Amino acid sequence: MMETVWDSSSINWRNMSLADELYKQPNNPKYFDCKIKYLLDDLDKVERLALVSAINKVKEGSAGDKKSGMYPWTAIWLRGVLANNGHIIGKLALRKHLEGKCSCGIK
């Protein structure tokens, strides 16, 4: 365990100097599973298939159709349905999943 040192130039304490910390090799990054993947893993088969279908419908629509209201399956709609059923998913988490930029690898 590292010794905690007092930084006399401020009221904050640190375990090492800024330079030491910047030169130190970082630990392996921690990847957290996508919240959509957590949800999919917890759902029963029928609900999982329904959620995958809804996600695919949201992915299929064009941005223009969604903004104009011509395409009803939007990320806002999906977040609302999930929230109404007790599954709170943030905008960023859903967007990352829909764009395939999350950590779960489900595209």
N, C-alpha and C. Protein backbone atom coordinates (compact mmCIF):
# COMPACT_ATOMS: atom_id res chain seq x y z
N MET A 1 0.83 -1.17 0.00
CA MET A 1 0.00 0.00 0.00
C MET A 1 0.88 1.24 0.00
N MET A 2 0.52 2.21 -0.83
CA MET A 2 1.30 3.43 -0.91
C MET A 2 1.06 4.31 0.31
N GLU A 3 2.11 5.01 0.68
CA GLU A 3 1.99 5.92 1.81
C GLU A 3 1.33 7.21 1.33
N THR A 4 0.38 7.68 2.07
CA THR A 4 -0.28 8.93 1.74
C THR A 4 0.59 10.08 2.21
N VAL A 5 0.82 11.04 1.32
CA VAL A 5 1.63 12.21 1.68
C VAL A 5 0.77 13.45 1.63
N TRP A 6 1.14 14.41 2.44
CA TRP A 6 0.40 15.66 2.49
C TRP A 6 1.05 16.64 1.53
N ASP A 7 0.26 17.23 0.66
CA ASP A 7 0.73 18.25 -0.27
C ASP A 7 0.58 19.60 0.43
N SER A 8 1.70 20.16 0.85
CA SER A 8 1.63 21.38 1.65
C SER A 8 1.20 22.60 0.85
N SER A 9 1.20 22.50 -0.49
CA SER A 9 0.80 23.65 -1.30
C SER A 9 -0.71 23.78 -1.41
N SER A 10 -1.44 22.80 -0.94
CA SER A 10 -2.90 22.88 -0.99
C SER A 10 -3.48 22.08 0.17
N ILE A 11 -4.76 22.09 0.27
CA ILE A 11 -5.39 21.32 1.34
C ILE A 11 -5.69 19.90 0.90
N ASN A 12 -5.29 19.56 -0.32
CA ASN A 12 -5.57 18.21 -0.85
C ASN A 12 -4.40 17.28 -0.57
N TRP A 13 -4.68 16.00 -0.38
CA TRP A 13 -3.65 15.01 -0.23
C TRP A 13 -3.62 14.13 -1.46
N ARG A 14 -2.45 13.60 -1.77
CA ARG A 14 -2.28 12.70 -2.90
C ARG A 14 -1.35 11.57 -2.51
N ASN A 15 -1.43 10.49 -3.25
CA ASN A 15 -0.56 9.35 -3.00
C ASN A 15 0.80 9.50 -3.68
N MET A 16 0.90 10.32 -4.69
CA MET A 16 2.16 10.56 -5.38
C MET A 16 2.09 11.90 -6.10
N SER A 17 3.22 12.37 -6.58
CA SER A 17 3.22 13.65 -7.27
C SER A 17 2.55 13.50 -8.63
N LEU A 18 2.14 14.60 -9.19
CA LEU A 18 1.50 14.58 -10.51
C LEU A 18 2.44 13.98 -11.54
N ALA A 19 3.70 14.40 -11.54
CA ALA A 19 4.67 13.87 -12.52
C ALA A 19 4.83 12.36 -12.37
N ASP A 20 4.96 11.90 -11.11
CA ASP A 20 5.09 10.45 -10.89
C ASP A 20 3.89 9.70 -11.43
N GLU A 21 2.71 10.23 -11.19
CA GLU A 21 1.50 9.56 -11.64
C GLU A 21 1.39 9.56 -13.16
N LEU A 22 1.81 10.64 -13.80
CA LEU A 22 1.75 10.72 -15.27
C LEU A 22 2.75 9.79 -15.94
N TYR A 23 3.91 9.58 -15.30
CA TYR A 23 4.92 8.70 -15.88
C TYR A 23 4.66 7.22 -15.58
N LYS A 24 3.89 6.96 -14.57
CA LYS A 24 3.59 5.58 -14.18
C LYS A 24 2.72 4.91 -15.26
N GLN A 25 3.02 3.66 -15.55
CA GLN A 25 2.21 2.92 -16.51
C GLN A 25 0.84 2.69 -15.91
N PRO A 26 -0.21 3.05 -16.66
CA PRO A 26 -1.56 2.86 -16.11
C PRO A 26 -1.92 1.38 -16.01
N ASN A 27 -2.80 1.11 -15.08
CA ASN A 27 -3.36 -0.24 -14.99
C ASN A 27 -4.19 -0.50 -16.23
N ASN A 28 -4.48 -1.75 -16.48
CA ASN A 28 -5.37 -2.08 -17.60
C ASN A 28 -6.69 -1.36 -17.39
N PRO A 29 -7.22 -0.78 -18.45
CA PRO A 29 -8.50 -0.07 -18.28
C PRO A 29 -9.59 -1.04 -17.87
N LYS A 30 -10.50 -0.54 -17.06
CA LYS A 30 -11.63 -1.36 -16.63
C LYS A 30 -12.79 -1.12 -17.57
N TYR A 31 -13.24 -2.17 -18.19
CA TYR A 31 -14.38 -2.06 -19.08
C TYR A 31 -15.61 -2.57 -18.36
N PHE A 32 -16.65 -1.81 -18.43
CA PHE A 32 -17.89 -2.19 -17.80
C PHE A 32 -18.85 -2.63 -18.89
N ASP A 33 -19.57 -3.68 -18.61
CA ASP A 33 -20.53 -4.14 -19.59
C ASP A 33 -21.56 -3.07 -19.88
N CYS A 34 -22.02 -3.08 -21.08
CA CYS A 34 -23.07 -2.19 -21.54
C CYS A 34 -24.33 -2.43 -20.72
N LYS A 35 -25.03 -1.36 -20.36
CA LYS A 35 -26.26 -1.50 -19.57
C LYS A 35 -27.33 -2.26 -20.34
N ILE A 36 -27.33 -2.13 -21.67
CA ILE A 36 -28.29 -2.90 -22.47
C ILE A 36 -27.98 -4.39 -22.36
N LYS A 37 -26.69 -4.73 -22.39
CA LYS A 37 -26.31 -6.14 -22.25
C LYS A 37 -26.72 -6.67 -20.88
N TYR A 38 -26.47 -5.88 -19.81
CA TYR A 38 -26.93 -6.31 -18.49
C TYR A 38 -28.43 -6.59 -18.50
N LEU A 39 -29.18 -5.68 -19.12
CA LEU A 39 -30.63 -5.85 -19.17
C LEU A 39 -31.00 -7.08 -19.97
N LEU A 40 -30.39 -7.26 -21.14
CA LEU A 40 -30.69 -8.43 -21.97
C LEU A 40 -30.40 -9.73 -21.22
N ASP A 41 -29.32 -9.74 -20.45
CA ASP A 41 -28.95 -10.94 -19.68
C ASP A 41 -29.98 -11.25 -18.58
N ASP A 42 -30.65 -10.21 -18.07
CA ASP A 42 -31.60 -10.40 -16.97
C ASP A 42 -33.02 -10.73 -17.42
N LEU A 43 -33.34 -10.46 -18.67
CA LEU A 43 -34.71 -10.66 -19.15
C LEU A 43 -34.99 -12.11 -19.48
N ASP A 44 -36.26 -12.50 -19.43
CA ASP A 44 -36.61 -13.83 -19.90
C ASP A 44 -36.60 -13.83 -21.43
N LYS A 45 -36.75 -15.00 -22.01
CA LYS A 45 -36.58 -15.16 -23.46
C LYS A 45 -37.55 -14.27 -24.26
N VAL A 46 -38.80 -14.23 -23.87
CA VAL A 46 -39.81 -13.46 -24.61
C VAL A 46 -39.48 -11.96 -24.57
N GLU A 47 -39.16 -11.46 -23.38
CA GLU A 47 -38.84 -10.04 -23.24
C GLU A 47 -37.52 -9.70 -23.94
N ARG A 48 -36.55 -10.61 -23.89
CA ARG A 48 -35.26 -10.38 -24.56
C ARG A 48 -35.47 -10.25 -26.06
N LEU A 49 -36.26 -11.16 -26.64
CA LEU A 49 -36.53 -11.10 -28.08
C LEU A 49 -37.28 -9.81 -28.45
N ALA A 50 -38.21 -9.39 -27.59
CA ALA A 50 -38.95 -8.15 -27.84
C ALA A 50 -38.02 -6.95 -27.79
N LEU A 51 -37.09 -6.93 -26.81
CA LEU A 51 -36.14 -5.81 -26.71
C LEU A 51 -35.19 -5.79 -27.90
N VAL A 52 -34.68 -6.93 -28.31
CA VAL A 52 -33.80 -6.98 -29.48
C VAL A 52 -34.54 -6.49 -30.72
N SER A 53 -35.80 -6.88 -30.87
CA SER A 53 -36.61 -6.43 -32.00
C SER A 53 -36.79 -4.91 -31.96
N ALA A 54 -37.08 -4.37 -30.77
CA ALA A 54 -37.26 -2.93 -30.64
C ALA A 54 -35.97 -2.18 -30.93
N ILE A 55 -34.86 -2.70 -30.45
CA ILE A 55 -33.56 -2.07 -30.72
C ILE A 55 -33.30 -2.04 -32.22
N ASN A 56 -33.59 -3.14 -32.89
CA ASN A 56 -33.39 -3.19 -34.35
C ASN A 56 -34.29 -2.20 -35.07
N LYS A 57 -35.53 -2.03 -34.60
CA LYS A 57 -36.43 -1.06 -35.22
C LYS A 57 -35.90 0.36 -35.04
N VAL A 58 -35.37 0.65 -33.85
CA VAL A 58 -34.80 1.98 -33.60
C VAL A 58 -33.59 2.21 -34.52
N LYS A 59 -32.77 1.19 -34.71
CA LYS A 59 -31.60 1.32 -35.58
C LYS A 59 -31.99 1.53 -37.04
N GLU A 60 -33.10 0.94 -37.48
CA GLU A 60 -33.51 0.98 -38.89
C GLU A 60 -33.96 2.36 -39.36
N GLY A 61 -34.57 3.12 -38.51
CA GLY A 61 -35.14 4.40 -38.92
C GLY A 61 -34.09 5.44 -39.24
N SER A 62 -34.38 6.28 -40.20
CA SER A 62 -33.45 7.36 -40.54
C SER A 62 -33.64 8.51 -39.57
N ALA A 63 -32.58 9.28 -39.37
CA ALA A 63 -32.64 10.41 -38.44
C ALA A 63 -33.70 11.42 -38.89
N GLY A 64 -33.81 11.66 -40.18
CA GLY A 64 -34.79 12.61 -40.68
C GLY A 64 -36.22 12.18 -40.40
N ASP A 65 -36.51 10.90 -40.63
CA ASP A 65 -37.86 10.38 -40.35
C ASP A 65 -38.18 10.46 -38.87
N LYS A 66 -37.18 10.17 -38.03
CA LYS A 66 -37.41 10.21 -36.59
C LYS A 66 -37.69 11.63 -36.12
N LYS A 67 -36.92 12.58 -36.62
CA LYS A 67 -37.12 13.98 -36.22
C LYS A 67 -38.44 14.53 -36.71
N SER A 68 -38.88 14.08 -37.87
CA SER A 68 -40.13 14.59 -38.43
C SER A 68 -41.35 13.93 -37.79
N GLY A 69 -41.13 12.88 -37.02
CA GLY A 69 -42.24 12.18 -36.40
C GLY A 69 -42.86 11.12 -37.30
N MET A 70 -42.26 10.89 -38.46
CA MET A 70 -42.79 9.91 -39.40
C MET A 70 -42.41 8.47 -39.02
N TYR A 71 -41.44 8.33 -38.14
CA TYR A 71 -40.99 7.00 -37.73
C TYR A 71 -41.12 6.92 -36.21
N PRO A 72 -42.01 6.07 -35.72
CA PRO A 72 -42.32 6.09 -34.29
C PRO A 72 -41.28 5.44 -33.38
N TRP A 73 -40.43 4.57 -33.91
CA TRP A 73 -39.49 3.84 -33.08
C TRP A 73 -38.21 4.64 -32.92
N THR A 74 -38.15 5.43 -31.87
CA THR A 74 -36.99 6.28 -31.61
C THR A 74 -36.33 5.85 -30.30
N ALA A 75 -35.13 6.35 -30.08
CA ALA A 75 -34.43 6.07 -28.83
C ALA A 75 -35.21 6.64 -27.64
N ILE A 76 -35.83 7.78 -27.83
CA ILE A 76 -36.64 8.39 -26.76
C ILE A 76 -37.80 7.46 -26.41
N TRP A 77 -38.47 6.94 -27.43
CA TRP A 77 -39.57 5.99 -27.21
C TRP A 77 -39.07 4.77 -26.43
N LEU A 78 -37.94 4.21 -26.88
CA LEU A 78 -37.41 3.00 -26.26
C LEU A 78 -37.02 3.27 -24.80
N ARG A 79 -36.36 4.38 -24.54
CA ARG A 79 -36.00 4.72 -23.16
C ARG A 79 -37.26 4.86 -22.29
N GLY A 80 -38.30 5.46 -22.85
CA GLY A 80 -39.55 5.62 -22.12
C GLY A 80 -40.20 4.30 -21.77
N VAL A 81 -40.26 3.40 -22.74
CA VAL A 81 -40.85 2.08 -22.51
C VAL A 81 -40.05 1.33 -21.45
N LEU A 82 -38.73 1.37 -21.57
CA LEU A 82 -37.90 0.69 -20.58
C LEU A 82 -38.10 1.29 -19.18
N ALA A 83 -38.12 2.63 -19.10
CA ALA A 83 -38.30 3.30 -17.81
C ALA A 83 -39.66 2.97 -17.20
N ASN A 84 -40.70 2.94 -18.04
CA ASN A 84 -42.04 2.61 -17.55
C ASN A 84 -42.12 1.20 -16.98
N ASN A 85 -41.16 0.37 -17.37
CA ASN A 85 -41.12 -1.00 -16.89
C ASN A 85 -40.00 -1.23 -15.89
N GLY A 86 -39.47 -0.13 -15.33
CA GLY A 86 -38.49 -0.23 -14.26
C GLY A 86 -37.05 -0.38 -14.68
N HIS A 87 -36.75 -0.18 -15.95
CA HIS A 87 -35.38 -0.33 -16.45
C HIS A 87 -34.87 1.04 -16.90
N ILE A 88 -34.13 1.71 -16.04
CA ILE A 88 -33.64 3.05 -16.35
C ILE A 88 -32.31 2.92 -17.10
N ILE A 89 -32.31 3.39 -18.33
CA ILE A 89 -31.12 3.37 -19.19
C ILE A 89 -30.85 4.81 -19.60
N GLY A 90 -29.65 5.28 -19.40
CA GLY A 90 -29.30 6.64 -19.75
C GLY A 90 -29.21 6.85 -21.25
N LYS A 91 -29.33 8.12 -21.67
CA LYS A 91 -29.26 8.46 -23.09
C LYS A 91 -27.95 8.01 -23.70
N LEU A 92 -26.84 8.30 -23.02
CA LEU A 92 -25.53 7.97 -23.56
C LEU A 92 -25.34 6.46 -23.68
N ALA A 93 -25.75 5.72 -22.67
CA ALA A 93 -25.62 4.26 -22.71
C ALA A 93 -26.40 3.67 -23.88
N LEU A 94 -27.62 4.17 -24.09
CA LEU A 94 -28.43 3.67 -25.20
C LEU A 94 -27.83 4.07 -26.53
N ARG A 95 -27.40 5.32 -26.64
CA ARG A 95 -26.83 5.78 -27.91
C ARG A 95 -25.57 4.98 -28.26
N LYS A 96 -24.70 4.77 -27.27
CA LYS A 96 -23.48 3.98 -27.54
C LYS A 96 -23.84 2.58 -28.02
N HIS A 97 -24.85 1.98 -27.40
CA HIS A 97 -25.25 0.63 -27.82
C HIS A 97 -25.81 0.65 -29.24
N LEU A 98 -26.67 1.61 -29.52
CA LEU A 98 -27.28 1.68 -30.85
C LEU A 98 -26.25 1.92 -31.94
N GLU A 99 -25.19 2.65 -31.60
CA GLU A 99 -24.13 2.95 -32.58
C GLU A 99 -23.05 1.88 -32.59
N GLY A 100 -23.18 0.86 -31.74
CA GLY A 100 -22.17 -0.20 -31.69
C GLY A 100 -20.87 0.24 -31.06
N LYS A 101 -20.93 1.28 -30.22
CA LYS A 101 -19.71 1.82 -29.60
C LYS A 101 -19.61 1.47 -28.11
N CYS A 102 -20.46 0.59 -27.66
CA CYS A 102 -20.43 0.19 -26.25
C CYS A 102 -19.46 -0.98 -26.09
N SER A 103 -19.33 -1.46 -24.87
CA SER A 103 -18.38 -2.51 -24.58
C SER A 103 -18.92 -3.93 -24.78
N CYS A 104 -20.19 -4.07 -25.10
CA CYS A 104 -20.77 -5.42 -25.13
C CYS A 104 -20.51 -6.16 -26.44
N GLY A 105 -20.26 -5.46 -27.49
CA GLY A 105 -19.98 -6.11 -28.76
C GLY A 105 -21.21 -6.56 -29.52
N ILE A 106 -22.40 -6.27 -29.01
CA ILE A 106 -23.63 -6.62 -29.71
C ILE A 106 -23.96 -5.48 -30.65
N LYS A 107 -24.00 -5.77 -31.92
CA LYS A 107 -24.24 -4.70 -32.90
C LYS A 107 -25.60 -4.87 -33.53
